[in-house]
Protein backbone atom coordinates (compact mmCIF):
# COMPACT_ATOMS: atom_id res chain seq x y z
CA UNK A 1 0.00 0.00 0.00
CA UNK A 2 1.36 3.43 -0.88
CA UNK A 3 1.33 6.59 1.14
CA UNK A 4 -2.16 7.80 1.89
CA UNK A 5 -3.12 11.42 2.05
CA UNK A 6 -6.01 12.93 3.94
CA UNK A 7 -7.91 14.63 1.20
CA UNK A 8 -11.29 15.30 2.69
CA UNK A 9 -12.80 15.21 6.12
CA UNK A 10 -16.55 14.80 6.04
CA UNK A 11 -16.11 16.03 9.52
CA UNK A 12 -19.11 16.15 11.58
CA UNK A 13 -22.79 16.44 12.02
CA UNK A 14 -24.26 18.03 15.09
CA UNK A 15 -27.47 17.00 16.78
CA UNK A 16 -28.99 20.41 16.07
CA UNK A 17 -27.88 20.43 12.43
CA UNK A 18 -25.44 23.32 12.88
CA UNK A 19 -22.33 21.74 11.34
CA UNK A 20 -20.34 24.96 11.72
CA UNK A 21 -20.16 24.45 15.48
CA UNK A 22 -18.09 21.25 15.07
CA UNK A 23 -14.38 21.66 14.32
CA UNK A 24 -11.40 19.42 13.68
CA UNK A 25 -8.92 19.81 16.55
CA UNK A 26 -6.25 17.33 15.43
CA UNK A 27 -5.50 14.42 13.14
CA UNK A 28 -2.31 12.44 13.69
CA UNK A 29 -0.47 11.33 11.76
CA UNK A 30 -1.54 13.34 8.70
CA UNK A 31 -0.86 10.35 6.40
CA UNK A 32 0.35 6.79 6.52
CA UNK A 33 1.84 3.86 4.68
CA UNK A 34 1.97 0.10 4.95
CA UNK A 35 -0.76 -2.48 5.31
CA UNK A 36 -2.11 -1.07 8.57
CA UNK A 37 -2.23 2.38 10.08
CA UNK A 38 -3.73 3.89 13.22
CA UNK A 39 -5.00 7.47 13.26
CA UNK A 40 -6.10 9.65 16.13
CA UNK A 41 -8.86 12.13 15.26
CA UNK A 42 -10.10 14.74 17.73
CA UNK A 43 -13.03 17.10 17.16
CA UNK A 44 -14.81 19.64 19.32
CA UNK A 45 -18.19 21.32 19.28
CA UNK A 46 -18.83 24.76 20.72
CA UNK A 47 -22.17 23.40 21.97
CA UNK A 48 -20.47 20.53 23.86
CA UNK A 49 -19.54 16.93 23.05
CA UNK A 50 -23.14 15.71 23.41
CA UNK A 51 -24.03 17.82 20.35
CA UNK A 52 -21.82 15.75 18.00
CA UNK A 53 -23.88 13.17 16.08
CA UNK A 54 -21.14 11.68 13.88
CA UNK A 55 -17.57 12.16 12.76
CA UNK A 56 -16.27 10.86 9.43
CA UNK A 57 -13.02 10.69 7.55
CA UNK A 58 -12.01 10.02 3.93
CA UNK A 59 -8.55 8.76 2.95
CA UNK A 60 -7.40 8.39 -0.67
CA UNK A 61 -4.40 8.92 -2.92
CA UNK A 62 -6.48 11.48 -4.82
CA UNK A 63 -9.99 12.77 -4.26
CA UNK A 64 -12.74 11.38 -6.47
CA UNK A 65 -16.15 11.52 -4.81
CA UNK A 66 -17.64 9.34 -7.53
CA UNK A 67 -15.19 6.48 -6.86
CA UNK A 68 -15.45 5.48 -3.19
CA UNK A 69 -13.96 2.08 -4.09
CA UNK A 70 -10.60 3.85 -4.46
CA UNK A 71 -10.75 5.30 -0.96
CA UNK A 72 -11.04 4.39 2.69
CA UNK A 73 -14.11 5.93 4.32
CA UNK A 74 -14.96 5.60 7.98
CA UNK A 75 -17.16 7.30 10.53
CA UNK A 76 -18.19 7.14 14.16
CA UNK A 77 -21.89 7.29 15.02
CA UNK A 78 -22.33 8.66 18.54
CA UNK A 79 -25.97 7.54 18.74
CA UNK A 80 -25.11 3.86 18.27
CA UNK A 81 -21.52 4.06 19.62
CA UNK A 82 -20.30 2.23 16.51
CA UNK A 83 -17.42 2.67 14.10
CA UNK A 84 -18.38 2.12 10.46
CA UNK A 85 -15.99 1.41 7.57
CA UNK A 86 -16.81 1.20 3.89
CA UNK A 87 -16.16 -2.13 2.23
CA UNK A 88 -13.54 -2.45 -0.52
CA UNK A 89 -16.10 -1.71 -3.23
CA UNK A 90 -17.29 1.43 -1.41
CA UNK A 91 -20.87 0.14 -1.52
CA UNK A 92 -21.66 -1.29 1.91
CA UNK A 93 -20.75 -0.31 5.46
CA UNK A 94 -19.31 -2.77 7.97
CA UNK A 95 -19.52 -1.83 11.62
CA UNK A 96 -18.30 -2.69 15.07
CA UNK A 97 -19.14 -1.42 18.57
CA UNK A 98 -16.55 1.05 19.80
CA UNK A 99 -14.10 -0.44 22.26
CA UNK A 100 -15.28 -4.05 22.46
CA UNK A 101 -16.11 -5.23 18.95
CA UNK A 102 -14.05 -6.97 16.30
CA UNK A 103 -11.43 -5.02 14.35
CA UNK A 104 -12.58 -3.58 11.02
CA UNK A 105 -10.47 -3.66 7.87
CA UNK A 106 -10.62 -3.05 4.15
CA UNK A 107 -7.87 -3.24 1.56
CA UNK A 108 -7.82 0.35 0.42
């Protein structure tokens, strides 16, 4: 797998629909390489953490919104406390409970 670049952050949705209140605080590291990589993403909301409905991230070598199969898309749903990851084809979502579920992987 080559070096990935963070090209888009479909950052956040707030419970009240005011997406401007949610901001990216940090993303480390800003890219990665190899068959496996761990990222730490931190966001904040001026209305408090309880206002954040979901946080998503999009990794790809180049941005092409029409070709999700060429990217790695993931998001955290605060309502269900689950991490979701797009499958290799970019068609279906696979999910796992945060903290105690099986590891998720795709080959993008």
